[in-house]
Amino acid sequence: MPWMINTIWMLTDFTIENGATGVVPMSHRSRLRRPPPDIQSDSPLIKPVTGRAGSVMMWHGGLFHQARANTSSQIRVGLNIACYPRWFNNWIEGGHQPLWPETYERMPEATQRLCPGRQGREREKVYEQFR
């Protein structure tokens, strides 16, 4: 389940030449914390996302993405906004946090099945063991 959805609002056209955002499709399913070192910026796995000014791109928070080089004389301007539940507190706590047990208990059963094993009060006890 994507606890965070990233967006980029294209305030100018995004083209290959002016460095349109690059994504690695389906990488959010890899369960990797970061891209493997062998994926370089010119990798064929990275696909540029182009669009006209006024377009919005949304992606799963775990999808590998990158800013690409602007090789044109055009300026590329975008506005990034991350959307996540209030209880996720990603910015306040400095990273993904576990669900407090009482929050988990209030979730619908279908949602509970999407996040087993991520309950607790301390990040270190839930996430750091996976390093």
C-alpha atoms as a PDB file:
ATOM      1  CA  MET A   1       0.000   0.000   0.000  1.00  0.00           C
ATOM      2  CA  PRO A   2       1.489   3.364  -0.919  1.00  0.00           C
ATOM      3  CA  TRP A   3       1.658   5.344   2.316  1.00  0.00           C
ATOM      4  CA  MET A   4       3.019   8.212   0.262  1.00  0.00           C
ATOM      5  CA  ILE A   5       2.080   9.423  -3.198  1.00  0.00           C
ATOM      6  CA  ASN A   6       4.506  11.838  -4.847  1.00  0.00           C
ATOM      7  CA  THR A   7       3.368  14.367  -7.395  1.00  0.00           C
ATOM      8  CA  ILE A   8       5.074  16.756  -9.751  1.00  0.00           C
ATOM      9  CA  TRP A   9       3.057  19.566 -11.249  1.00  0.00           C
ATOM     10  CA  MET A  10       4.594  20.540 -14.580  1.00  0.00           C
ATOM     11  CA  LEU A  11       4.638  24.333 -14.620  1.00  0.00           C
ATOM     12  CA  THR A  12       6.537  24.296 -17.915  1.00  0.00           C
ATOM     13  CA  ASP A  13       6.711  21.577 -20.566  1.00  0.00           C
ATOM     14  CA  PHE A  14       8.727  18.508 -19.503  1.00  0.00           C
ATOM     15  CA  THR A  15      10.696  17.165 -22.456  1.00  0.00           C
ATOM     16  CA  ILE A  16      13.522  14.689 -22.846  1.00  0.00           C
ATOM     17  CA  GLU A  17      15.819  17.569 -23.805  1.00  0.00           C
ATOM     18  CA  ASN A  18      15.041  19.707 -20.745  1.00  0.00           C
ATOM     19  CA  GLY A  19      15.438  16.862 -18.269  1.00  0.00           C
ATOM     20  CA  ALA A  20      11.992  15.357 -17.749  1.00  0.00           C
ATOM     21  CA  THR A  21      11.783  13.313 -14.535  1.00  0.00           C
ATOM     22  CA  GLY A  22      13.007   9.742 -14.996  1.00  0.00           C
ATOM     23  CA  VAL A  23      11.311   6.741 -13.360  1.00  0.00           C
ATOM     24  CA  VAL A  24      12.040   3.006 -13.182  1.00  0.00           C
ATOM     25  CA  PRO A  25       8.623   1.411 -13.810  1.00  0.00           C
ATOM     26  CA  MET A  26       7.536  -1.158 -11.207  1.00  0.00           C
ATOM     27  CA  SER A  27      10.603  -0.511  -9.023  1.00  0.00           C
ATOM     28  CA  HIS A  28       8.310   0.137  -6.056  1.00  0.00           C
ATOM     29  CA  ARG A  29       7.693  -3.616  -6.003  1.00  0.00           C
ATOM     30  CA  SER A  30      11.388  -4.481  -5.669  1.00  0.00           C
ATOM     31  CA  ARG A  31      11.440  -4.002  -1.863  1.00  0.00           C
ATOM     32  CA  LEU A  32      14.850  -2.311  -2.238  1.00  0.00           C
ATOM     33  CA  ARG A  33      15.558   0.825  -0.183  1.00  0.00           C
ATOM     34  CA  ARG A  34      17.504   2.457  -3.021  1.00  0.00           C
ATOM     35  CA  PRO A  35      18.358   1.682  -6.645  1.00  0.00           C
ATOM     36  CA  PRO A  36      21.122  -0.884  -7.193  1.00  0.00           C
ATOM     37  CA  PRO A  37      24.486   0.786  -7.905  1.00  0.00           C
ATOM     38  CA  ASP A  38      24.571  -0.657 -11.431  1.00  0.00           C
ATOM     39  CA  ILE A  39      21.588   1.494 -12.498  1.00  0.00           C
ATOM     40  CA  GLN A  40      23.294   4.570 -13.929  1.00  0.00           C
ATOM     41  CA  SER A  41      21.534   7.712 -15.116  1.00  0.00           C
ATOM     42  CA  ASP A  42      21.734   6.506 -18.739  1.00  0.00           C
ATOM     43  CA  SER A  43      20.222   3.072 -17.976  1.00  0.00           C
ATOM     44  CA  PRO A  44      17.506   1.859 -20.373  1.00  0.00           C
ATOM     45  CA  LEU A  45      15.488   0.955 -17.252  1.00  0.00           C
ATOM     46  CA  ILE A  46      14.931   4.670 -16.565  1.00  0.00           C
ATOM     47  CA  LYS A  47      12.024   6.063 -18.572  1.00  0.00           C
ATOM     48  CA  PRO A  48      11.528   9.826 -18.955  1.00  0.00           C
ATOM     49  CA  VAL A  49       8.063  11.166 -18.135  1.00  0.00           C
ATOM     50  CA  THR A  50       7.218  13.992 -20.497  1.00  0.00           C
ATOM     51  CA  GLY A  51       4.209  16.289 -20.427  1.00  0.00           C
ATOM     52  CA  ARG A  52       2.822  19.668 -21.303  1.00  0.00           C
ATOM     53  CA  ALA A  53       2.700  22.563 -18.855  1.00  0.00           C
ATOM     54  CA  GLY A  54      -0.287  22.040 -16.578  1.00  0.00           C
ATOM     55  CA  SER A  55       0.097  18.236 -16.453  1.00  0.00           C
ATOM     56  CA  VAL A  56       0.476  16.381 -13.168  1.00  0.00           C
ATOM     57  CA  MET A  57       2.417  13.182 -12.645  1.00  0.00           C
ATOM     58  CA  MET A  58       1.642  11.014  -9.593  1.00  0.00           C
ATOM     59  CA  TRP A  59       3.675   8.021  -8.471  1.00  0.00           C
ATOM     60  CA  HIS A  60       3.985   5.528  -5.647  1.00  0.00           C
ATOM     61  CA  GLY A  61       6.350   6.851  -2.964  1.00  0.00           C
ATOM     62  CA  GLY A  62       8.624   3.815  -3.339  1.00  0.00           C
ATOM     63  CA  LEU A  63       9.152   4.175  -7.094  1.00  0.00           C
ATOM     64  CA  PHE A  64      12.765   4.949  -8.043  1.00  0.00           C
ATOM     65  CA  HIS A  65      12.841   8.357  -9.695  1.00  0.00           C
ATOM     66  CA  GLN A  66      15.426  10.976 -10.588  1.00  0.00           C
ATOM     67  CA  ALA A  67      15.921  14.462 -11.912  1.00  0.00           C
ATOM     68  CA  ARG A  68      17.551  14.226 -15.327  1.00  0.00           C
ATOM     69  CA  ALA A  69      20.037  16.576 -16.963  1.00  0.00           C
ATOM     70  CA  ASN A  70      18.701  19.573 -18.833  1.00  0.00           C
ATOM     71  CA  THR A  71      20.601  19.591 -22.139  1.00  0.00           C
ATOM     72  CA  SER A  72      18.526  22.364 -23.680  1.00  0.00           C
ATOM     73  CA  SER A  73      18.294  26.128 -23.326  1.00  0.00           C
ATOM     74  CA  GLN A  74      14.744  25.782 -21.920  1.00  0.00           C
ATOM     75  CA  ILE A  75      14.009  26.124 -18.234  1.00  0.00           C
ATOM     76  CA  ARG A  76      12.047  23.230 -16.707  1.00  0.00           C
ATOM     77  CA  VAL A  77       9.955  24.127 -13.664  1.00  0.00           C
ATOM     78  CA  GLY A  78       7.943  21.707 -11.564  1.00  0.00           C
ATOM     79  CA  LEU A  79       6.352  21.698  -8.133  1.00  0.00           C
ATOM     80  CA  ASN A  80       6.748  18.543  -6.025  1.00  0.00           C
ATOM     81  CA  ILE A  81       4.113  17.736  -3.425  1.00  0.00           C
ATOM     82  CA  ALA A  82       4.067  14.548  -1.343  1.00  0.00           C
ATOM     83  CA  CYS A  83       0.718  13.291  -0.085  1.00  0.00           C
ATOM     84  CA  TYR A  84       0.569  10.944   2.892  1.00  0.00           C
ATOM     85  CA  PRO A  85      -1.753  10.243   5.829  1.00  0.00           C
ATOM     86  CA  ARG A  86      -1.537  12.583   8.778  1.00  0.00           C
ATOM     87  CA  TRP A  87      -0.465   9.766  11.101  1.00  0.00           C
ATOM     88  CA  PHE A  88       2.450   8.812   8.798  1.00  0.00           C
ATOM     89  CA  ASN A  89       4.446  11.814  10.161  1.00  0.00           C
ATOM     90  CA  ASN A  90       7.287  11.217   7.678  1.00  0.00           C
ATOM     91  CA  TRP A  91       8.797  14.711   7.985  1.00  0.00           C
ATOM     92  CA  ILE A  92       8.399  15.086  11.727  1.00  0.00           C
ATOM     93  CA  GLU A  93      10.060  11.794  12.632  1.00  0.00           C
ATOM     94  CA  GLY A  94      12.672  11.711   9.858  1.00  0.00           C
ATOM     95  CA  GLY A  95      11.514   8.697   7.861  1.00  0.00           C
ATOM     96  CA  HIS A  96       8.946   5.939   7.651  1.00  0.00           C
ATOM     97  CA  GLN A  97       7.422   5.233  11.026  1.00  0.00           C
ATOM     98  CA  PRO A  98       5.627   2.151  12.326  1.00  0.00           C
ATOM     99  CA  LEU A  99       1.890   2.246  12.890  1.00  0.00           C
ATOM    100  CA  TRP A 100       0.878   2.696  16.459  1.00  0.00           C
ATOM    101  CA  PRO A 101      -1.173  -0.342  17.526  1.00  0.00           C
ATOM    102  CA  GLU A 102      -4.233   1.793  18.295  1.00  0.00           C
ATOM    103  CA  THR A 103      -4.141   3.276  14.782  1.00  0.00           C
ATOM    104  CA  TYR A 104      -3.864  -0.226  13.285  1.00  0.00           C
ATOM    105  CA  GLU A 105      -6.892  -1.348  15.317  1.00  0.00           C
ATOM    106  CA  ARG A 106      -9.032   1.474  13.848  1.00  0.00           C
ATOM    107  CA  MET A 107      -8.189   0.481  10.247  1.00  0.00           C
ATOM    108  CA  PRO A 108     -10.595  -1.584   8.143  1.00  0.00           C
ATOM    109  CA  GLU A 109      -9.620  -5.262   8.047  1.00  0.00           C
ATOM    110  CA  ALA A 110      -8.665  -5.063   4.351  1.00  0.00           C
ATOM    111  CA  THR A 111      -6.200  -2.258   5.126  1.00  0.00           C
ATOM    112  CA  GLN A 112      -4.766  -4.139   8.107  1.00  0.00           C
ATOM    113  CA  ARG A 113      -3.894  -7.043   5.802  1.00  0.00           C
ATOM    114  CA  LEU A 114      -1.780  -4.667   3.675  1.00  0.00           C
ATOM    115  CA  CYS A 115       0.562  -3.710   6.511  1.00  0.00           C
ATOM    116  CA  PRO A 116       1.288  -6.701   8.754  1.00  0.00           C
ATOM    117  CA  GLY A 117       4.364  -6.522  10.963  1.00  0.00           C
ATOM    118  CA  ARG A 118       4.694  -2.749  10.863  1.00  0.00           C
ATOM    119  CA  GLN A 119       3.188  -1.983  14.250  1.00  0.00           C
ATOM    120  CA  GLY A 120       5.015  -0.494  17.175  1.00  0.00           C
ATOM    121  CA  ARG A 121       6.032   2.730  18.841  1.00  0.00           C
ATOM    122  CA  GLU A 122       9.731   2.835  17.954  1.00  0.00           C
ATOM    123  CA  ARG A 123      11.153   2.896  14.454  1.00  0.00           C
ATOM    124  CA  GLU A 124      14.259   0.933  15.425  1.00  0.00           C
ATOM    125  CA  LYS A 125      12.243  -2.052  16.618  1.00  0.00           C
ATOM    126  CA  VAL A 126      10.209  -2.266  13.417  1.00  0.00           C
ATOM    127  CA  TYR A 127      12.389  -1.056  10.514  1.00  0.00           C
ATOM    128  CA  GLU A 128      16.048  -1.029  11.458  1.00  0.00           C
ATOM    129  CA  GLN A 129      16.155  -4.821  11.729  1.00  0.00           C
ATOM    130  CA  PHE A 130      15.816  -5.023   7.907  1.00  0.00           C
ATOM    131  CA  ARG A 131      19.091  -3.250   7.084  1.00  0.00           C
END
